PDB file of all heavy atoms in Angstrom:
ATOM      1  N   ASP A   1     -22.569 -12.900  -6.540  1.00  0.00           N
ATOM      2  CA  ASP A   1     -21.758 -12.982  -7.795  1.00  0.00           C
ATOM      3  C   ASP A   1     -20.414 -13.674  -7.418  1.00  0.00           C
ATOM      4  O   ASP A   1     -19.633 -13.092  -6.751  1.00  0.00           O
ATOM      5  CB  ASP A   1     -21.499 -11.535  -8.353  1.00  0.00           C
ATOM      6  CG  ASP A   1     -20.955 -11.715  -9.702  1.00  0.00           C
ATOM      7  OD1 ASP A   1     -20.306 -12.705 -10.092  1.00  0.00           O
ATOM      8  OD2 ASP A   1     -20.822 -10.568 -10.344  1.00  0.00           O
ATOM      9  N   GLU A   2     -20.214 -14.837  -7.930  1.00  0.00           N
ATOM     10  CA  GLU A   2     -19.039 -15.613  -7.569  1.00  0.00           C
ATOM     11  C   GLU A   2     -17.774 -15.015  -8.182  1.00  0.00           C
ATOM     12  O   GLU A   2     -16.672 -15.333  -7.785  1.00  0.00           O
ATOM     13  CB  GLU A   2     -19.213 -17.084  -8.098  1.00  0.00           C
ATOM     14  CG  GLU A   2     -20.379 -17.818  -7.488  1.00  0.00           C
ATOM     15  CD  GLU A   2     -20.454 -19.289  -7.905  1.00  0.00           C
ATOM     16  OE1 GLU A   2     -19.612 -19.583  -8.859  1.00  0.00           O
ATOM     17  OE2 GLU A   2     -21.289 -20.077  -7.366  1.00  0.00           O
ATOM     18  N   ASP A   3     -17.996 -14.163  -9.290  1.00  0.00           N
ATOM     19  CA  ASP A   3     -16.770 -13.507  -9.879  1.00  0.00           C
ATOM     20  C   ASP A   3     -16.390 -12.234  -9.237  1.00  0.00           C
ATOM     21  O   ASP A   3     -15.391 -11.697  -9.531  1.00  0.00           O
ATOM     22  CB  ASP A   3     -17.097 -13.157 -11.301  1.00  0.00           C
ATOM     23  CG  ASP A   3     -17.222 -14.460 -12.197  1.00  0.00           C
ATOM     24  OD1 ASP A   3     -16.705 -15.493 -11.825  1.00  0.00           O
ATOM     25  OD2 ASP A   3     -18.147 -14.405 -13.099  1.00  0.00           O
ATOM     26  N   TRP A   4     -17.157 -11.870  -8.082  1.00  0.00           N
ATOM     27  CA  TRP A   4     -16.876 -10.539  -7.416  1.00  0.00           C
ATOM     28  C   TRP A   4     -16.407 -10.916  -6.011  1.00  0.00           C
ATOM     29  O   TRP A   4     -17.213 -11.216  -5.119  1.00  0.00           O
ATOM     30  CB  TRP A   4     -18.179  -9.692  -7.423  1.00  0.00           C
ATOM     31  CG  TRP A   4     -17.869  -8.254  -7.060  1.00  0.00           C
ATOM     32  CD1 TRP A   4     -18.330  -7.608  -5.971  1.00  0.00           C
ATOM     33  CD2 TRP A   4     -17.060  -7.377  -7.835  1.00  0.00           C
ATOM     34  NE1 TRP A   4     -17.937  -6.317  -5.994  1.00  0.00           N
ATOM     35  CE2 TRP A   4     -17.138  -6.113  -7.106  1.00  0.00           C
ATOM     36  CE3 TRP A   4     -16.308  -7.356  -8.893  1.00  0.00           C
ATOM     37  CZ2 TRP A   4     -16.452  -4.982  -7.460  1.00  0.00           C
ATOM     38  CZ3 TRP A   4     -15.605  -6.290  -9.341  1.00  0.00           C
ATOM     39  CH2 TRP A   4     -15.633  -5.023  -8.639  1.00  0.00           C
ATOM     40  N   TYR A   5     -15.083 -10.968  -5.833  1.00  0.00           N
ATOM     41  CA  TYR A   5     -14.628 -11.421  -4.512  1.00  0.00           C
ATOM     42  C   TYR A   5     -13.376 -10.503  -4.072  1.00  0.00           C
ATOM     43  O   TYR A   5     -12.791  -9.879  -5.057  1.00  0.00           O
ATOM     44  CB  TYR A   5     -14.078 -12.852  -4.527  1.00  0.00           C
ATOM     45  CG  TYR A   5     -13.172 -13.142  -5.724  1.00  0.00           C
ATOM     46  CD1 TYR A   5     -11.777 -12.944  -5.479  1.00  0.00           C
ATOM     47  CD2 TYR A   5     -13.660 -13.509  -6.991  1.00  0.00           C
ATOM     48  CE1 TYR A   5     -10.986 -13.284  -6.601  1.00  0.00           C
ATOM     49  CE2 TYR A   5     -12.724 -13.783  -8.020  1.00  0.00           C
ATOM     50  CZ  TYR A   5     -11.456 -13.657  -7.861  1.00  0.00           C
ATOM     51  OH  TYR A   5     -10.610 -13.875  -8.881  1.00  0.00           O
ATOM     52  N   PRO A   6     -13.004 -10.410  -2.842  1.00  0.00           N
ATOM     53  CA  PRO A   6     -11.813  -9.557  -2.506  1.00  0.00           C
ATOM     54  C   PRO A   6     -10.571 -10.092  -3.215  1.00  0.00           C
ATOM     55  O   PRO A   6     -10.128 -11.122  -2.997  1.00  0.00           O
ATOM     56  CB  PRO A   6     -11.754  -9.757  -0.940  1.00  0.00           C
ATOM     57  CG  PRO A   6     -13.050 -10.227  -0.514  1.00  0.00           C
ATOM     58  CD  PRO A   6     -13.654 -11.033  -1.706  1.00  0.00           C
ATOM     59  N   PRO A   7      -9.988  -9.255  -4.075  1.00  0.00           N
ATOM     60  CA  PRO A   7      -8.763  -9.547  -4.793  1.00  0.00           C
ATOM     61  C   PRO A   7      -7.514  -9.591  -4.037  1.00  0.00           C
ATOM     62  O   PRO A   7      -7.278  -8.524  -3.199  1.00  0.00           O
ATOM     63  CB  PRO A   7      -8.767  -8.635  -5.897  1.00  0.00           C
ATOM     64  CG  PRO A   7      -9.456  -7.372  -5.481  1.00  0.00           C
ATOM     65  CD  PRO A   7     -10.404  -7.919  -4.506  1.00  0.00           C
ATOM     66  N   GLU A   8      -6.728 -10.584  -4.134  1.00  0.00           N
ATOM     67  CA  GLU A   8      -5.368 -10.535  -3.474  1.00  0.00           C
ATOM     68  C   GLU A   8      -4.514  -9.420  -4.047  1.00  0.00           C
ATOM     69  O   GLU A   8      -3.569  -8.966  -3.238  1.00  0.00           O
ATOM     70  CB  GLU A   8      -4.713 -11.983  -3.672  1.00  0.00           C
ATOM     71  CG  GLU A   8      -3.373 -12.082  -2.923  1.00  0.00           C
ATOM     72  CD  GLU A   8      -2.715 -13.546  -3.293  1.00  0.00           C
ATOM     73  OE1 GLU A   8      -3.360 -14.257  -3.914  1.00  0.00           O
ATOM     74  OE2 GLU A   8      -1.544 -13.622  -2.739  1.00  0.00           O
ATOM     75  N   ASN A   9      -4.688  -9.101  -5.207  1.00  0.00           N
ATOM     76  CA  ASN A   9      -3.810  -8.073  -5.792  1.00  0.00           C
ATOM     77  C   ASN A   9      -4.045  -6.670  -5.357  1.00  0.00           C
ATOM     78  O   ASN A   9      -3.353  -5.681  -5.838  1.00  0.00           O
ATOM     79  CB  ASN A   9      -4.025  -8.051  -7.312  1.00  0.00           C
ATOM     80  CG  ASN A   9      -3.207  -9.173  -8.121  1.00  0.00           C
ATOM     81  OD1 ASN A   9      -2.349  -9.769  -7.440  1.00  0.00           O
ATOM     82  ND2 ASN A   9      -3.550  -9.467  -9.434  1.00  0.00           N
ATOM     83  N   LEU A  10      -5.078  -6.434  -4.563  1.00  0.00           N
ATOM     84  CA  LEU A  10      -5.280  -5.125  -3.950  1.00  0.00           C
ATOM     85  C   LEU A  10      -4.695  -5.076  -2.628  1.00  0.00           C
ATOM     86  O   LEU A  10      -5.152  -5.732  -1.705  1.00  0.00           O
ATOM     87  CB  LEU A  10      -6.786  -4.764  -3.885  1.00  0.00           C
ATOM     88  CG  LEU A  10      -7.271  -3.490  -3.327  1.00  0.00           C
ATOM     89  CD1 LEU A  10      -6.571  -2.364  -3.866  1.00  0.00           C
ATOM     90  CD2 LEU A  10      -8.781  -3.305  -3.313  1.00  0.00           C
ATOM     91  N   ARG A  11      -3.577  -4.435  -2.494  1.00  0.00           N
ATOM     92  CA  ARG A  11      -2.841  -4.338  -1.135  1.00  0.00           C
ATOM     93  C   ARG A  11      -3.123  -2.960  -0.482  1.00  0.00           C
ATOM     94  O   ARG A  11      -2.862  -1.953  -1.078  1.00  0.00           O
ATOM     95  CB  ARG A  11      -1.273  -4.356  -1.488  1.00  0.00           C
ATOM     96  CG  ARG A  11      -0.846  -5.571  -2.510  1.00  0.00           C
ATOM     97  CD  ARG A  11      -0.809  -6.818  -1.924  1.00  0.00           C
ATOM     98  NE  ARG A  11      -0.726  -7.924  -2.902  1.00  0.00           N
ATOM     99  CZ  ARG A  11       0.512  -8.331  -3.505  1.00  0.00           C
ATOM    100  NH1 ARG A  11       1.597  -7.698  -3.212  1.00  0.00           N
ATOM    101  NH2 ARG A  11       0.435  -9.320  -4.258  1.00  0.00           N
ATOM    102  N   LEU A  12      -3.652  -3.041   0.695  1.00  0.00           N
ATOM    103  CA  LEU A  12      -4.158  -1.923   1.429  1.00  0.00           C
ATOM    104  C   LEU A  12      -3.049  -1.476   2.538  1.00  0.00           C
ATOM    105  O   LEU A  12      -2.525  -2.329   3.286  1.00  0.00           O
ATOM    106  CB  LEU A  12      -5.431  -2.267   2.048  1.00  0.00           C
ATOM    107  CG  LEU A  12      -6.284  -1.199   2.675  1.00  0.00           C
ATOM    108  CD1 LEU A  12      -6.742  -0.226   1.555  1.00  0.00           C
ATOM    109  CD2 LEU A  12      -7.447  -1.841   3.366  1.00  0.00           C
ATOM    110  N   PHE A  13      -2.905  -0.283   2.615  1.00  0.00           N
ATOM    111  CA  PHE A  13      -1.940   0.410   3.635  1.00  0.00           C
ATOM    112  C   PHE A  13      -2.825   1.457   4.399  1.00  0.00           C
ATOM    113  O   PHE A  13      -3.360   2.277   3.710  1.00  0.00           O
ATOM    114  CB  PHE A  13      -0.772   0.886   3.037  1.00  0.00           C
ATOM    115  CG  PHE A  13       0.148  -0.049   2.366  1.00  0.00           C
ATOM    116  CD1 PHE A  13      -0.121  -0.293   0.947  1.00  0.00           C
ATOM    117  CD2 PHE A  13       1.075  -0.779   2.877  1.00  0.00           C
ATOM    118  CE1 PHE A  13       0.641  -1.210   0.268  1.00  0.00           C
ATOM    119  CE2 PHE A  13       1.854  -1.676   2.237  1.00  0.00           C
ATOM    120  CZ  PHE A  13       1.575  -1.975   0.903  1.00  0.00           C
ATOM    121  N   THR A  14      -2.769   1.465   5.729  1.00  0.00           N
ATOM    122  CA  THR A  14      -3.261   2.525   6.412  1.00  0.00           C
ATOM    123  C   THR A  14      -2.187   3.224   7.184  1.00  0.00           C
ATOM    124  O   THR A  14      -1.106   2.844   7.209  1.00  0.00           O
ATOM    125  CB  THR A  14      -4.381   2.047   7.642  1.00  0.00           C
ATOM    126  OG1 THR A  14      -3.487   1.221   8.521  1.00  0.00           O
ATOM    127  CG2 THR A  14      -5.351   1.078   6.973  1.00  0.00           C
ATOM    128  N   GLU A  15      -2.537   4.370   7.621  1.00  0.00           N
ATOM    129  CA  GLU A  15      -1.462   5.269   8.367  1.00  0.00           C
ATOM    130  C   GLU A  15      -0.878   4.523   9.581  1.00  0.00           C
ATOM    131  O   GLU A  15       0.316   4.593   9.828  1.00  0.00           O
ATOM    132  CB  GLU A  15      -2.040   6.567   8.840  1.00  0.00           C
ATOM    133  CG  GLU A  15      -0.933   7.537   9.426  1.00  0.00           C
ATOM    134  CD  GLU A  15      -1.471   8.948   9.790  1.00  0.00           C
ATOM    135  OE1 GLU A  15      -2.751   9.059   9.696  1.00  0.00           O
ATOM    136  OE2 GLU A  15      -0.742   9.814  10.007  1.00  0.00           O
ATOM    137  N   ALA A  16      -1.666   3.611  10.272  1.00  0.00           N
ATOM    138  CA  ALA A  16      -1.195   2.780  11.242  1.00  0.00           C
ATOM    139  C   ALA A  16      -0.136   1.831  10.795  1.00  0.00           C
ATOM    140  O   ALA A  16       0.735   1.409  11.536  1.00  0.00           O
ATOM    141  CB  ALA A  16      -2.363   2.026  12.021  1.00  0.00           C
ATOM    142  N   ASP A  17      -0.211   1.343   9.525  1.00  0.00           N
ATOM    143  CA  ASP A  17       0.694   0.438   9.057  1.00  0.00           C
ATOM    144  C   ASP A  17       2.037   0.964   8.699  1.00  0.00           C
ATOM    145  O   ASP A  17       3.124   0.442   8.872  1.00  0.00           O
ATOM    146  CB  ASP A  17       0.124  -0.216   7.641  1.00  0.00           C
ATOM    147  CG  ASP A  17      -1.096  -1.022   7.832  1.00  0.00           C
ATOM    148  OD1 ASP A  17      -1.172  -1.688   8.994  1.00  0.00           O
ATOM    149  OD2 ASP A  17      -1.986  -1.009   7.057  1.00  0.00           O
ATOM    150  N   ILE A  18       2.024   2.250   8.106  1.00  0.00           N
ATOM    151  CA  ILE A  18       3.246   2.836   7.611  1.00  0.00           C
ATOM    152  C   ILE A  18       3.667   4.149   8.301  1.00  0.00           C
ATOM    153  O   ILE A  18       4.720   4.638   7.910  1.00  0.00           O
ATOM    154  CB  ILE A  18       3.013   3.158   6.067  1.00  0.00           C
ATOM    155  CG1 ILE A  18       1.955   4.060   5.848  1.00  0.00           C
ATOM    156  CG2 ILE A  18       2.758   1.851   5.341  1.00  0.00           C
ATOM    157  CD1 ILE A  18       1.616   4.612   4.510  1.00  0.00           C
ATOM    158  N   GLY A  19       2.867   4.506   9.201  1.00  0.00           N
ATOM    159  CA  GLY A  19       3.225   5.750   9.907  1.00  0.00           C
ATOM    160  C   GLY A  19       3.036   6.909   8.990  1.00  0.00           C
ATOM    161  O   GLY A  19       2.389   6.898   7.887  1.00  0.00           O
ATOM    162  N   SER A  20       3.486   8.104   9.382  1.00  0.00           N
ATOM    163  CA  SER A  20       3.231   9.339   8.627  1.00  0.00           C
ATOM    164  C   SER A  20       4.302   9.530   7.566  1.00  0.00           C
ATOM    165  O   SER A  20       5.493   9.521   7.928  1.00  0.00           O
ATOM    166  CB  SER A  20       3.156  10.487   9.579  1.00  0.00           C
ATOM    167  OG  SER A  20       2.113  10.381  10.478  1.00  0.00           O
ATOM    168  N   PHE A  21       3.935   9.799   6.408  1.00  0.00           N
ATOM    169  CA  PHE A  21       4.837  10.247   5.373  1.00  0.00           C
ATOM    170  C   PHE A  21       5.407  11.598   5.634  1.00  0.00           C
ATOM    171  O   PHE A  21       4.505  12.599   5.957  1.00  0.00           O
ATOM    172  CB  PHE A  21       4.221  10.145   4.032  1.00  0.00           C
ATOM    173  CG  PHE A  21       4.115   8.753   3.403  1.00  0.00           C
ATOM    174  CD1 PHE A  21       3.020   8.044   3.605  1.00  0.00           C
ATOM    175  CD2 PHE A  21       5.127   8.336   2.678  1.00  0.00           C
ATOM    176  CE1 PHE A  21       2.977   6.728   3.176  1.00  0.00           C
ATOM    177  CE2 PHE A  21       5.110   6.999   2.127  1.00  0.00           C
ATOM    178  CZ  PHE A  21       4.034   6.226   2.451  1.00  0.00           C
ATOM    179  N   THR A  22       6.599  11.849   5.610  1.00  0.00           N
ATOM    180  CA  THR A  22       7.210  13.207   5.755  1.00  0.00           C
ATOM    181  C   THR A  22       7.992  13.530   4.550  1.00  0.00           C
ATOM    182  O   THR A  22       7.533  13.296   3.428  1.00  0.00           O
ATOM    183  CB  THR A  22       7.960  13.233   7.059  1.00  0.00           C
ATOM    184  OG1 THR A  22       9.035  12.226   6.999  1.00  0.00           O
ATOM    185  CG2 THR A  22       7.163  13.118   8.282  1.00  0.00           C
ATOM    186  N   ASP A  23       9.202  14.059   4.686  1.00  0.00           N
ATOM    187  CA  ASP A  23      10.072  14.504   3.546  1.00  0.00           C
ATOM    188  C   ASP A  23      10.547  13.236   2.711  1.00  0.00           C
ATOM    189  O   ASP A  23      11.133  13.394   1.677  1.00  0.00           O
ATOM    190  CB  ASP A  23      11.231  15.252   4.028  1.00  0.00           C
ATOM    191  CG  ASP A  23      10.838  16.581   4.502  1.00  0.00           C
ATOM    192  OD1 ASP A  23       9.843  17.175   4.012  1.00  0.00           O
ATOM    193  OD2 ASP A  23      11.466  17.284   5.338  1.00  0.00           O
ATOM    194  N   ASP A  24      10.495  12.047   3.258  1.00  0.00           N
ATOM    195  CA  ASP A  24      11.007  10.941   2.562  1.00  0.00           C
ATOM    196  C   ASP A  24       9.782  10.119   1.859  1.00  0.00           C
ATOM    197  O   ASP A  24       9.921   9.046   1.461  1.00  0.00           O
ATOM    198  CB  ASP A  24      11.655   9.892   3.521  1.00  0.00           C
ATOM    199  CG  ASP A  24      10.802   9.384   4.633  1.00  0.00           C
ATOM    200  OD1 ASP A  24       9.636   9.886   4.724  1.00  0.00           O
ATOM    201  OD2 ASP A  24      11.241   8.348   5.298  1.00  0.00           O
ATOM    202  N   ALA A  25       8.705  10.827   1.671  1.00  0.00           N
ATOM    203  CA  ALA A  25       7.532  10.142   1.088  1.00  0.00           C
ATOM    204  C   ALA A  25       7.814   9.524  -0.272  1.00  0.00           C
ATOM    205  O   ALA A  25       7.418   8.413  -0.508  1.00  0.00           O
ATOM    206  CB  ALA A  25       6.401  11.234   0.871  1.00  0.00           C
ATOM    207  N   ILE A  26       8.526  10.168  -1.168  1.00  0.00           N
ATOM    208  CA  ILE A  26       8.844   9.621  -2.455  1.00  0.00           C
ATOM    209  C   ILE A  26       9.709   8.317  -2.338  1.00  0.00           C
ATOM    210  O   ILE A  26       9.386   7.319  -3.000  1.00  0.00           O
ATOM    211  CB  ILE A  26       9.524  10.620  -3.407  1.00  0.00           C
ATOM    212  CG1 ILE A  26       8.620  11.876  -3.781  1.00  0.00           C
ATOM    213  CG2 ILE A  26       9.912   9.998  -4.812  1.00  0.00           C
ATOM    214  CD1 ILE A  26       7.315  11.551  -4.419  1.00  0.00           C
ATOM    215  N   ASP A  27      10.797   8.417  -1.565  1.00  0.00           N
ATOM    216  CA  ASP A  27      11.680   7.268  -1.308  1.00  0.00           C
ATOM    217  C   ASP A  27      10.864   6.170  -0.765  1.00  0.00           C
ATOM    218  O   ASP A  27      10.994   4.905  -1.233  1.00  0.00           O
ATOM    219  CB  ASP A  27      12.804   7.627  -0.414  1.00  0.00           C
ATOM    220  CG  ASP A  27      13.735   8.572  -1.100  1.00  0.00           C
ATOM    221  OD1 ASP A  27      13.812   8.717  -2.290  1.00  0.00           O
ATOM    222  OD2 ASP A  27      14.436   9.384  -0.369  1.00  0.00           O
ATOM    223  N   ARG A  28       9.961   6.379   0.190  1.00  0.00           N
ATOM    224  CA  ARG A  28       9.262   5.311   0.821  1.00  0.00           C
ATOM    225  C   ARG A  28       8.195   4.635  -0.036  1.00  0.00           C
ATOM    226  O   ARG A  28       7.964   3.407  -0.098  1.00  0.00           O
ATOM    227  CB  ARG A  28       8.473   5.790   2.180  1.00  0.00           C
ATOM    228  CG  ARG A  28       9.491   6.169   3.245  1.00  0.00           C
ATOM    229  CD  ARG A  28       8.867   6.616   4.566  1.00  0.00           C
ATOM    230  NE  ARG A  28       8.028   5.491   4.987  1.00  0.00           N
ATOM    231  CZ  ARG A  28       7.181   5.731   5.987  1.00  0.00           C
ATOM    232  NH1 ARG A  28       6.917   6.918   6.546  1.00  0.00           N
ATOM    233  NH2 ARG A  28       6.557   4.666   6.483  1.00  0.00           N
ATOM    234  N   LEU A  29       7.678   5.484  -0.858  1.00  0.00           N
ATOM    235  CA  LEU A  29       6.646   5.019  -1.864  1.00  0.00           C
ATOM    236  C   LEU A  29       7.355   4.148  -2.858  1.00  0.00           C
ATOM    237  O   LEU A  29       6.829   3.079  -3.322  1.00  0.00           O
ATOM    238  CB  LEU A  29       6.055   6.200  -2.568  1.00  0.00           C
ATOM    239  CG  LEU A  29       4.791   5.933  -3.466  1.00  0.00           C
ATOM    240  CD1 LEU A  29       3.784   5.222  -2.652  1.00  0.00           C
ATOM    241  CD2 LEU A  29       4.284   7.275  -4.002  1.00  0.00           C
ATOM    242  N   GLU A  30       8.550   4.587  -3.350  1.00  0.00           N
ATOM    243  CA  GLU A  30       9.277   3.785  -4.304  1.00  0.00           C
ATOM    244  C   GLU A  30       9.749   2.411  -3.722  1.00  0.00           C
ATOM    245  O   GLU A  30       9.730   1.339  -4.368  1.00  0.00           O
ATOM    246  CB  GLU A  30      10.616   4.480  -4.779  1.00  0.00           C
ATOM    247  CG  GLU A  30      11.306   3.806  -5.767  1.00  0.00           C
ATOM    248  CD  GLU A  30      12.408   4.603  -6.469  1.00  0.00           C
ATOM    249  OE1 GLU A  30      12.739   5.636  -5.945  1.00  0.00           O
ATOM    250  OE2 GLU A  30      12.807   4.226  -7.667  1.00  0.00           O
ATOM    251  N   GLU A  31      10.072   2.374  -2.425  1.00  0.00           N
ATOM    252  CA  GLU A  31      10.502   1.125  -1.746  1.00  0.00           C
ATOM    253  C   GLU A  31       9.249   0.196  -1.820  1.00  0.00           C
ATOM    254  O   GLU A  31       9.429  -1.070  -2.055  1.00  0.00           O
ATOM    255  CB  GLU A  31      10.846   1.391  -0.387  1.00  0.00           C
ATOM    256  CG  GLU A  31      12.179   2.140  -0.143  1.00  0.00           C
ATOM    257  CD  GLU A  31      12.546   2.521   1.235  1.00  0.00           C
ATOM    258  OE1 GLU A  31      11.630   2.226   2.186  1.00  0.00           O
ATOM    259  OE2 GLU A  31      13.596   3.081   1.490  1.00  0.00           O
ATOM    260  N   LEU A  32       7.982   0.750  -1.548  1.00  0.00           N
ATOM    261  CA  LEU A  32       6.840  -0.169  -1.456  1.00  0.00           C
ATOM    262  C   LEU A  32       6.483  -0.700  -2.950  1.00  0.00           C
ATOM    263  O   LEU A  32       6.087  -1.728  -3.076  1.00  0.00           O
ATOM    264  CB  LEU A  32       5.753   0.543  -0.873  1.00  0.00           C
ATOM    265  CG  LEU A  32       5.745   0.770   0.650  1.00  0.00           C
ATOM    266  CD1 LEU A  32       4.712   1.777   1.089  1.00  0.00           C
ATOM    267  CD2 LEU A  32       5.672  -0.518   1.384  1.00  0.00           C
ATOM    268  N   ILE A  33       6.717   0.180  -3.917  1.00  0.00           N
ATOM    269  CA  ILE A  33       6.490  -0.268  -5.268  1.00  0.00           C
ATOM    270  C   ILE A  33       7.432  -1.368  -5.606  1.00  0.00           C
ATOM    271  O   ILE A  33       7.061  -2.483  -6.284  1.00  0.00           O
ATOM    272  CB  ILE A  33       6.747   0.864  -6.216  1.00  0.00           C
ATOM    273  CG1 ILE A  33       5.561   2.002  -6.110  1.00  0.00           C
ATOM    274  CG2 ILE A  33       6.803   0.477  -7.706  1.00  0.00           C
ATOM    275  CD1 ILE A  33       5.729   3.282  -6.728  1.00  0.00           C
ATOM    276  N   LEU A  34       8.647  -1.287  -5.225  1.00  0.00           N
ATOM    277  CA  LEU A  34       9.706  -2.338  -5.505  1.00  0.00           C
ATOM    278  C   LEU A  34       9.452  -3.583  -4.804  1.00  0.00           C
ATOM    279  O   LEU A  34       9.804  -4.700  -5.147  1.00  0.00           O
ATOM    280  CB  LEU A  34      11.166  -1.776  -5.140  1.00  0.00           C
ATOM    281  CG  LEU A  34      11.587  -0.683  -6.191  1.00  0.00           C
ATOM    282  CD1 LEU A  34      12.929  -0.180  -5.630  1.00  0.00           C
ATOM    283  CD2 LEU A  34      11.802  -1.234  -7.510  1.00  0.00           C
ATOM    284  N   ALA A  35       8.860  -3.509  -3.523  1.00  0.00           N
ATOM    285  CA  ALA A  35       8.661  -4.583  -2.703  1.00  0.00           C
ATOM    286  C   ALA A  35       7.381  -5.332  -3.114  1.00  0.00           C
ATOM    287  O   ALA A  35       7.011  -6.444  -2.681  1.00  0.00           O
ATOM    288  CB  ALA A  35       8.354  -4.125  -1.334  1.00  0.00           C
TER     289      ALA A  35
END
């Protein structure tokens, strides 16, 4: 199916990419939304 392909708009993050979320989880999540 030519219409079914990996979309650029899906941005993936693993724990290795961002480290462990701790008490600053909300702040870090907001930073990534703004970025």
